[in-house]
Every structure is written in C-alpha cells, then in structure tokens.
C-alpha cells in the first residue's frame, strides 16, 4: 500500500473493516520515504486508531469532520463555498477522472480528499505532486485546525503538506487557526439549524435539482476509485 493510499484510508470514515487490516496498515506506515519521526508518528496513529473501539472511533471522526465546515474534507467547500463555481469545479474534476479512465464507484462528491488521494495513488508521481501542491494551502489549514483541536488526525495532513513540497509555513496557519472562532460547538450548530430555510409545497425543489453540496454522515462511505 502506497503512502498516499494509506493516508486516504486512514483519513476516511473508519469503517469496521479497517480493524481487519492492522498489520497491513502498520507495514505501510513504516515507509522509508518518511523521516524516522514521521514513521513513528504515523505508526502511533494507526495503533491508537485500531486500539479504539470502532463505534468510538467513528464518533470521533464525525465530531471532527462532520460538524461545521472548517474541517470539511470536501476541498471545494474551502475554495468556492456555496458559490455556483463549486458545481462547475466538481464537473471538471469528474471529467478529469473519466479522462484518465476512472469512474467513481459510489455516489460521492469528487472533491472528497480521501477519494482524491485514492485517485492520485494511481497517477504518475509528477501529476500527483502537482495536485497536492495545488491544494497544499487547504491541507495545511486543515492540519493547523486539527492541531488546534488536539486531534491525532493532524499528523495525516502534516505529512501531506510535506509530500507536496514541505515549504508551507504551518506556523502562520496555526496562528490563524488559534484565532478562528469554532464552528462545531453546540451553540453554533443550533444557530445554523435555526437559520436553515425549510420549504414546503410548490416551493420544494423537484427531483431534477442538482444534488446537495454536502452529503449526510456516511456510515457506508466509499473511497474506492475503479479503473
């Protein structure tokens, strides 16, 4: 298992099957491309994750990535927000997948970071590096925010930053993250629910409307990309 694929697997929603591959994941974490410190940190992440009860690990994942938008793994949410440009960007990314002979194996948004890593694992190294460099600032900010929240997932993002070029100054992003208001507190979540528009009757969107920008929590999250 390559390093990119490993990070994508570990970053994805921890499905029950993950616990069946402990030794494979630990072997992959001992990658010679990483510094000894990073290998230790990645191995510790794998052991800590798989020493955790699956239900607890899944709840931890949802608490970090599925509450608020600041830790969203949907890359275009950080770039385009709710603008119409986001829809076109997703169409373009799907076409890039198809151009290279890949199709999404399940109903999934193409800008989901673990899915993109699964795809890049199959592409030439130079192309994968170019993609990672392109999204490096977003990944770096996710690393900083995860670190601010004392999440062990921070190491996964930090390794991606280093794979991309290693030149991004995470200290600046960590300072920014420390000054940001949290968007995952119960108070903020309640306020967002209150502000959410609810429409009935003739104003309801019909079945031909485009899919929602965010999918619900994904207990059966798919990250496979098939050639």
Protein backbone atom coordinates (compact mmCIF):
# COMPACT_ATOMS: atom_id res chain seq x y z
CA UNK A 1 0.00 0.00 0.00
CA UNK A 2 1.47 3.35 -1.04
CA UNK A 3 1.77 6.29 1.33
CA UNK A 4 -0.93 8.35 -0.44
CA UNK A 5 -3.37 5.46 -0.36
CA UNK A 6 -2.60 4.80 3.30
CA UNK A 7 -3.28 8.40 4.27
CA UNK A 8 -6.52 8.37 2.29
CA UNK A 9 -7.64 5.15 4.00
CA UNK A 10 -6.79 6.49 7.47
CA UNK A 11 -8.40 9.86 6.80
CA UNK A 12 -11.65 8.36 5.56
CA UNK A 13 -14.56 7.42 7.81
CA UNK A 14 -13.27 4.42 9.81
CA UNK A 15 -15.45 1.57 8.65
CA UNK A 16 -15.49 -1.66 10.64
CA UNK A 17 -13.41 -3.49 8.01
CA UNK A 18 -10.43 -1.28 8.84
CA UNK A 19 -9.80 -3.26 12.03
CA UNK A 20 -9.15 -6.37 9.97
CA UNK A 21 -6.03 -4.89 8.34
CA UNK A 22 -3.92 -3.82 11.30
CA UNK A 23 -0.63 -5.39 10.21
CA UNK A 24 -1.00 -4.23 6.62
CA UNK A 25 -1.59 -0.67 7.78
CA UNK A 26 1.34 -0.73 10.19
CA UNK A 27 3.63 -2.09 7.47
CA UNK A 28 2.54 0.69 5.12
CA UNK A 29 3.11 3.32 7.82
CA UNK A 30 6.77 2.24 8.05
CA UNK A 31 7.51 3.95 4.74
CA UNK A 32 11.15 4.77 4.03
CA UNK A 33 10.09 7.98 2.27
CA UNK A 34 9.19 9.41 5.68
CA UNK A 35 11.59 10.64 8.32
CA UNK A 36 12.03 8.31 11.32
CA UNK A 37 9.96 10.71 13.42
CA UNK A 38 7.13 10.75 10.94
CA UNK A 39 7.19 6.96 10.65
CA UNK A 40 6.85 6.73 14.43
CA UNK A 41 4.03 9.26 14.48
CA UNK A 42 2.14 7.54 11.67
CA UNK A 43 2.57 4.14 13.29
CA UNK A 44 1.33 5.57 16.59
CA UNK A 45 -1.71 6.98 14.79
CA UNK A 46 -2.54 3.57 13.31
CA UNK A 47 -2.11 1.77 16.63
CA UNK A 48 -4.15 4.36 18.55
CA UNK A 49 -6.95 4.27 15.98
CA UNK A 50 -7.14 0.47 15.90
CA UNK A 51 -6.87 0.18 19.68
CA UNK A 52 -10.03 2.29 19.88
CA UNK A 53 -13.47 0.71 19.81
CA UNK A 54 -14.88 1.16 16.25
CA UNK A 55 -18.00 2.98 17.43
CA UNK A 56 -15.89 5.42 19.45
CA UNK A 57 -13.50 5.95 16.53
CA UNK A 58 -16.41 6.61 14.19
CA UNK A 59 -17.94 9.10 16.62
CA UNK A 60 -14.57 10.85 16.93
CA UNK A 61 -14.36 11.11 13.15
CA UNK A 62 -17.83 12.59 12.86
CA UNK A 63 -17.12 15.05 15.66
CA UNK A 64 -14.06 16.34 13.82
CA UNK A 65 -15.05 16.27 10.16
CA UNK A 66 -18.84 16.39 10.07
CA UNK A 67 -19.64 19.30 12.39
CA UNK A 68 -19.18 22.70 10.87
CA UNK A 69 -17.37 23.46 7.66
CA UNK A 70 -13.90 24.44 8.82
CA UNK A 71 -12.73 20.80 8.94
CA UNK A 72 -14.66 19.61 5.90
CA UNK A 73 -12.82 17.08 3.73
CA UNK A 74 -14.64 18.47 0.68
CA UNK A 75 -11.91 20.62 -0.84
CA UNK A 76 -14.10 22.85 -2.97
CA UNK A 77 -16.07 23.88 0.10
CA UNK A 78 -12.94 25.72 1.23
CA UNK A 79 -12.29 27.20 -2.22
CA UNK A 80 -15.74 28.09 -3.55
CA UNK A 81 -18.05 27.89 -0.54
CA UNK A 82 -21.65 27.86 -1.74
CA UNK A 83 -20.98 29.73 -5.00
CA UNK A 84 -22.00 28.33 -8.37
CA UNK A 85 -18.35 27.98 -9.29
CA UNK A 86 -18.22 24.99 -6.99
CA UNK A 87 -20.64 22.97 -9.11
CA UNK A 88 -18.63 23.60 -12.27
CA UNK A 89 -15.40 22.74 -10.47
CA UNK A 90 -16.87 19.36 -9.46
CA UNK A 91 -17.98 18.69 -13.04
CA UNK A 92 -14.47 19.49 -14.26
CA UNK A 93 -12.93 17.16 -11.66
CA UNK A 94 -15.25 14.30 -12.61
CA UNK A 95 -14.23 14.82 -16.24
CA UNK A 96 -10.57 14.68 -15.21
CA UNK A 97 -11.23 11.34 -13.53
CA UNK A 98 -13.01 9.99 -16.60
CA UNK A 99 -10.38 11.31 -18.99
CA UNK A 100 -7.85 9.14 -17.20
CA UNK A 101 -10.08 6.06 -17.27
CA UNK A 102 -11.57 6.23 -13.78
CA UNK A 103 -15.14 6.26 -12.57
CA UNK A 104 -16.45 6.87 -9.08
CA UNK A 105 -17.60 3.55 -7.67
CA UNK A 106 -20.33 5.06 -5.48
CA UNK A 107 -22.38 8.22 -5.13
CA UNK A 108 -19.67 10.50 -3.81
CA UNK A 109 -18.60 14.09 -4.31
CA UNK A 110 -15.39 14.15 -6.37
CA UNK A 111 -13.62 16.74 -4.20
CA UNK A 112 -13.66 14.50 -1.11
CA UNK A 113 -9.98 14.47 -0.08
CA UNK A 114 -9.60 10.72 0.68
CA UNK A 115 -11.16 9.98 -2.71
CA UNK A 116 -8.76 12.35 -4.46
CA UNK A 117 -5.83 10.65 -2.71
CA UNK A 118 -7.12 7.26 -3.90
CA UNK A 119 -7.14 8.64 -7.44
CA UNK A 120 -3.71 10.27 -7.20
CA UNK A 121 -2.26 7.00 -5.95
CA UNK A 122 -2.96 5.65 -9.46
CA UNK A 123 -1.46 8.61 -11.32
CA UNK A 124 2.17 9.42 -12.25
CA UNK A 125 4.20 10.84 -9.39
CA UNK A 126 4.68 14.23 -11.04
CA UNK A 127 0.94 14.63 -11.59
CA UNK A 128 0.14 13.61 -8.02
CA UNK A 129 2.72 16.06 -6.71
CA UNK A 130 1.23 18.84 -8.84
CA UNK A 131 -2.27 18.14 -7.47
CA UNK A 132 -1.03 18.11 -3.88
CA UNK A 133 0.88 21.34 -4.41
CA UNK A 134 -2.30 22.92 -5.79
CA UNK A 135 -4.34 22.09 -2.67
CA UNK A 136 -1.47 22.42 -0.21
CA UNK A 137 -2.71 25.59 1.47
CA UNK A 138 -6.09 23.99 2.20
CA UNK A 139 -4.44 20.84 3.53
CA UNK A 140 -2.11 22.97 5.64
CA UNK A 141 -5.02 24.86 7.14
CA UNK A 142 -6.76 21.59 7.95
CA UNK A 143 -3.53 20.45 9.62
CA UNK A 144 -3.43 23.63 11.69
CA UNK A 145 -7.09 23.39 12.69
CA UNK A 146 -6.77 19.71 13.59
CA UNK A 147 -3.74 20.55 15.71
CA UNK A 148 -5.61 23.38 17.43
CA UNK A 149 -8.30 20.85 18.34
CA UNK A 150 -5.67 18.43 19.67
CA UNK A 151 -6.75 15.83 17.11
CA UNK A 152 -4.37 13.00 16.19
CA UNK A 153 -5.56 13.41 12.59
CA UNK A 154 -3.30 16.46 12.34
CA UNK A 155 -0.31 14.24 11.53
CA UNK A 156 -2.02 12.94 8.36
CA UNK A 157 -2.46 16.45 6.99
CA UNK A 158 1.06 17.45 8.02
CA UNK A 159 2.51 14.51 6.09
CA UNK A 160 0.53 15.53 3.00
CA UNK A 161 1.95 19.05 3.29
CA UNK A 162 5.45 17.60 3.39
CA UNK A 163 4.79 15.33 0.41
CA UNK A 164 3.56 18.34 -1.59
CA UNK A 165 6.67 20.46 -1.08
CA UNK A 166 7.35 20.87 2.63
CA UNK A 167 7.72 24.64 2.25
CA UNK A 168 4.35 25.77 3.55
CA UNK A 169 4.81 27.65 6.83
CA UNK A 170 2.45 25.86 9.17
CA UNK A 171 3.30 28.27 11.98
CA UNK A 172 1.39 31.06 10.23
CA UNK A 173 -1.60 28.78 9.65
CA UNK A 174 -1.51 27.56 13.25
CA UNK A 175 -1.67 31.17 14.43
CA UNK A 176 -4.65 31.77 12.16
CA UNK A 177 -6.36 28.62 13.41
CA UNK A 178 -5.85 29.67 17.03
CA UNK A 179 -7.68 32.94 16.33
CA UNK A 180 -10.63 31.48 14.43
CA UNK A 181 -13.99 31.07 16.15
CA UNK A 182 -15.02 27.42 16.42
CA UNK A 183 -17.90 26.38 14.17
CA UNK A 184 -18.53 22.98 15.76
CA UNK A 185 -19.86 23.99 19.16
CA UNK A 186 -23.46 23.12 20.14
CA UNK A 187 -24.34 26.82 20.21
CA UNK A 188 -23.11 27.45 16.68
CA UNK A 189 -24.68 24.25 15.36
CA UNK A 190 -28.03 25.17 16.90
CA UNK A 191 -27.87 28.63 15.33
CA UNK A 192 -27.16 27.17 11.91
CA UNK A 193 -30.13 24.81 12.23
CA UNK A 194 -32.37 27.75 13.17
CA UNK A 195 -31.19 29.73 10.14
CA UNK A 196 -31.66 26.84 7.71
CA UNK A 197 -34.58 27.54 5.35
CA UNK A 198 -37.31 24.91 5.23
CA UNK A 199 -39.61 24.97 2.21
CA UNK A 200 -42.79 23.04 1.58
CA UNK A 201 -45.36 22.63 -1.16
CA UNK A 202 -44.83 24.29 -4.51
CA UNK A 203 -41.54 25.81 -3.39
CA UNK A 204 -39.90 22.44 -2.81
CA UNK A 205 -37.17 21.60 -5.34
CA UNK A 206 -38.13 18.94 -7.84
CA UNK A 207 -36.31 15.68 -8.42
CA UNK A 208 -34.29 17.19 -11.27
CA UNK A 209 -32.44 19.60 -9.00
CA UNK A 210 -28.71 19.17 -8.60
CA UNK A 211 -27.50 17.07 -5.67
CA UNK A 212 -26.76 18.78 -2.35
CA UNK A 213 -23.30 20.17 -1.75
CA UNK A 214 -22.91 18.16 1.43
CA UNK A 215 -23.94 14.56 1.88
CA UNK A 216 -25.23 13.27 5.21
CA UNK A 217 -22.92 11.38 7.55
CA UNK A 218 -21.52 8.44 5.66
CA UNK A 219 -21.57 5.20 7.65
CA UNK A 220 -21.04 3.40 4.35
CA UNK A 221 -18.59 5.95 2.97
CA UNK A 222 -16.97 4.82 -0.27
CA UNK A 223 -13.47 5.87 -1.23
CA UNK A 224 -12.73 3.37 -3.97
CA UNK A 225 -11.96 4.57 -7.48
CA UNK A 226 -12.08 1.89 -10.12
CA UNK A 227 -10.01 1.96 -13.33
